[in-house]
Amino acid sequence: MSDTTVPWTVEPMRVGDVRDVCRLLREADTSLGVELTAESIQRRRIRQWVLGPKPVMHVALARDDRGTTAGFATYCFLWPSEGHLALCVKILFVSSGHRRRGAGSALMRALHAEAAAHECTRVEWFALSDDAVGRAFCASLGARLHEGRICYTLPSTSDPLTPWLH
């Protein structure tokens, strides 16, 4: 694909976008080597977590000038985040056939505007340490690496006190 930038439209996900988001999630998971989730489960989760009465996540979609959904970003708001509100991007993904055409930058510009509209003091996100292309993209946005943070995860089905109780 060429480096030609195309006009992008970025807008919030709607009910009619579930199929496109499932397609992009499948491509993202495949590229990361993640075990694929059945599409019926993905649809149920999206309807509950994003489109339901109490959304826990927001999704922004990037569409090209033909209306093709080429990328998405999932995000939420965190508070307190160093005493202020922050927009936290969980996933930024652009389909392989649409990369290097400005979709990722368009998504990040839209998220930055969303953060400003909510008086956030910053936009933050994680990148995979072995993803040189993704890290270069982050740097191209003017983002700085926050050396002082390490990400931990703990399965929600486990008891965090278990190691100390035995």
Protein backbone atom coordinates (compact mmCIF):
# COMPACT_ATOMS: atom_id res chain seq x y z
CA MET A 1 0.00 0.00 0.00
CA SER A 2 1.31 3.46 -0.78
CA ASP A 3 2.07 6.23 1.69
CA THR A 4 -0.73 8.32 0.17
CA THR A 5 -2.86 10.00 2.81
CA VAL A 6 -6.59 9.82 2.20
CA PRO A 7 -9.37 11.86 3.82
CA TRP A 8 -10.54 10.04 6.96
CA THR A 9 -13.74 10.37 8.90
CA VAL A 10 -13.54 9.43 12.56
CA GLU A 11 -16.77 8.86 14.43
CA PRO A 12 -18.14 6.90 17.37
CA MET A 13 -19.18 3.30 16.87
CA ARG A 14 -22.90 2.69 16.29
CA VAL A 15 -25.01 -0.47 16.39
CA GLY A 16 -24.59 -0.99 12.64
CA ASP A 17 -20.79 -1.09 13.02
CA VAL A 18 -20.59 -4.29 15.10
CA ARG A 19 -19.69 -6.51 12.13
CA ASP A 20 -16.87 -4.18 11.02
CA VAL A 21 -15.45 -4.00 14.53
CA CYS A 22 -15.57 -7.80 14.85
CA ARG A 23 -13.67 -8.08 11.56
CA LEU A 24 -11.00 -5.64 12.73
CA LEU A 25 -10.73 -7.33 16.15
CA ARG A 26 -10.20 -10.67 14.44
CA GLU A 27 -7.43 -9.19 12.29
CA ALA A 28 -5.81 -7.53 15.32
CA ASP A 29 -5.95 -10.71 17.39
CA THR A 30 -4.56 -12.78 14.50
CA SER A 31 -1.65 -10.37 14.03
CA LEU A 32 -0.85 -10.58 17.76
CA GLY A 33 -1.19 -14.35 17.90
CA VAL A 34 -4.04 -14.09 20.38
CA GLU A 35 -6.58 -16.89 20.66
CA LEU A 36 -9.58 -15.88 18.58
CA THR A 37 -12.91 -15.33 20.31
CA ALA A 38 -16.04 -16.60 18.57
CA GLU A 39 -17.74 -13.77 16.68
CA SER A 40 -21.03 -14.39 18.50
CA ILE A 41 -19.25 -13.79 21.82
CA GLN A 42 -17.50 -10.69 20.44
CA ARG A 43 -20.85 -9.28 19.27
CA ARG A 44 -22.46 -9.89 22.66
CA ARG A 45 -19.54 -8.24 24.45
CA ILE A 46 -19.57 -5.21 22.15
CA ARG A 47 -23.31 -4.76 22.57
CA GLN A 48 -22.95 -4.99 26.35
CA TRP A 49 -19.64 -3.16 26.96
CA VAL A 50 -19.79 -0.47 24.26
CA LEU A 51 -23.39 -0.07 23.13
CA GLY A 52 -25.25 -1.12 26.29
CA PRO A 53 -26.95 1.08 28.88
CA LYS A 54 -23.77 1.30 31.00
CA PRO A 55 -20.83 1.39 28.55
CA VAL A 56 -17.42 0.66 30.01
CA MET A 57 -15.51 1.48 26.83
CA HIS A 58 -15.84 3.81 23.87
CA VAL A 59 -14.90 2.98 20.27
CA ALA A 60 -13.90 5.44 17.56
CA LEU A 61 -13.86 4.25 13.94
CA ALA A 62 -11.80 5.55 11.01
CA ARG A 63 -13.49 5.38 7.61
CA ASP A 64 -11.94 6.21 4.29
CA ASP A 65 -13.54 8.33 1.59
CA ARG A 66 -15.48 5.26 0.34
CA GLY A 67 -16.93 4.53 3.78
CA THR A 68 -14.73 1.50 4.45
CA THR A 69 -14.01 1.05 8.15
CA ALA A 70 -10.24 0.74 8.19
CA GLY A 71 -9.34 1.15 11.83
CA PHE A 72 -10.55 1.68 15.35
CA ALA A 73 -9.50 2.84 18.77
CA THR A 74 -10.99 1.76 22.08
CA TYR A 75 -10.70 4.16 24.98
CA CYS A 76 -12.01 5.10 28.39
CA PHE A 77 -11.55 7.92 30.87
CA LEU A 78 -9.46 7.53 34.03
CA TRP A 79 -9.74 9.56 37.18
CA PRO A 80 -7.91 10.40 39.29
CA SER A 81 -4.94 10.24 37.01
CA GLU A 82 -2.26 12.25 38.76
CA GLY A 83 -5.13 14.32 40.13
CA HIS A 84 -6.78 14.94 36.78
CA LEU A 85 -8.87 13.22 34.13
CA ALA A 86 -7.06 11.31 31.37
CA LEU A 87 -8.23 9.63 28.20
CA CYS A 88 -6.68 6.14 28.08
CA VAL A 89 -6.43 4.37 24.72
CA LYS A 90 -6.59 0.60 25.12
CA ILE A 91 -6.31 -0.41 21.46
CA LEU A 92 -5.38 1.53 18.33
CA PHE A 93 -5.56 -0.70 15.28
CA VAL A 94 -5.54 -0.06 11.53
CA SER A 95 -6.14 -2.88 9.07
CA SER A 96 -2.98 -3.96 7.26
CA GLY A 97 -4.30 -2.85 3.86
CA HIS A 98 -4.88 0.71 5.10
CA ARG A 99 -1.71 1.42 7.05
CA ARG A 100 0.58 4.35 6.26
CA ARG A 101 -2.31 6.34 4.82
CA GLY A 102 -3.15 8.51 7.83
CA ALA A 103 -5.89 6.49 9.56
CA GLY A 104 -3.94 6.06 12.80
CA SER A 105 -3.07 9.75 12.91
CA ALA A 106 -6.70 10.66 12.21
CA LEU A 107 -7.84 8.43 15.09
CA MET A 108 -5.30 9.95 17.47
CA ARG A 109 -6.26 13.51 16.45
CA ALA A 110 -9.92 12.67 17.12
CA LEU A 111 -9.06 11.15 20.50
CA HIS A 112 -7.00 14.21 21.38
CA ALA A 113 -10.00 16.42 20.54
CA GLU A 114 -12.24 14.14 22.65
CA ALA A 115 -9.80 14.47 25.55
CA ALA A 116 -9.80 18.26 25.23
CA ALA A 117 -13.62 18.31 25.14
CA HIS A 118 -13.62 16.45 28.48
CA GLU A 119 -10.89 18.68 29.96
CA CYS A 120 -8.43 15.79 30.19
CA THR A 121 -4.87 16.74 30.98
CA ARG A 122 -3.42 14.03 28.75
CA VAL A 123 -3.97 11.08 26.46
CA GLU A 124 -2.12 7.92 27.43
CA TRP A 125 -1.70 4.49 25.92
CA PHE A 126 0.47 1.41 25.95
CA ALA A 127 2.55 -0.01 23.13
CA LEU A 128 4.05 -3.46 22.87
CA SER A 129 7.75 -3.32 23.63
CA ASP A 130 8.60 -5.46 20.59
CA ASP A 131 6.43 -3.43 18.16
CA ALA A 132 9.02 -1.17 16.52
CA VAL A 133 6.54 0.16 13.94
CA GLY A 134 3.95 0.99 16.61
CA ARG A 135 6.54 2.67 18.81
CA ALA A 136 7.82 4.72 15.87
CA PHE A 137 4.24 5.79 15.19
CA CYS A 138 3.89 6.92 18.82
CA ALA A 139 7.10 8.90 18.55
CA SER A 140 5.92 10.48 15.28
CA LEU A 141 2.95 11.90 17.20
CA GLY A 142 5.31 13.63 19.59
CA ALA A 143 4.46 11.26 22.45
CA ARG A 144 7.12 10.58 25.01
CA LEU A 145 7.84 7.24 26.58
CA HIS A 146 6.97 7.22 30.27
CA GLU A 147 9.90 5.31 31.76
CA GLY A 148 8.44 5.31 35.26
CA ARG A 149 5.51 2.98 34.64
CA ILE A 150 5.28 -0.76 34.41
CA CYS A 151 2.04 -2.51 33.54
CA TYR A 152 0.86 -5.38 35.74
CA THR A 153 -2.06 -7.68 35.08
CA LEU A 154 -3.93 -10.08 37.32
CA PRO A 155 -6.74 -12.35 36.15
CA SER A 156 -10.01 -11.16 37.67
CA THR A 157 -10.87 -14.76 38.53
CA SER A 158 -7.92 -15.05 40.91
CA ASP A 159 -7.67 -13.88 44.50
CA PRO A 160 -4.75 -11.42 44.74
CA LEU A 161 -4.18 -12.46 48.35
CA THR A 162 -3.78 -16.16 47.51
CA PRO A 163 0.07 -16.13 47.48
CA TRP A 164 0.14 -14.80 51.05
CA LEU A 165 -2.57 -17.07 52.41
CA HIS A 166 -0.71 -20.35 51.85
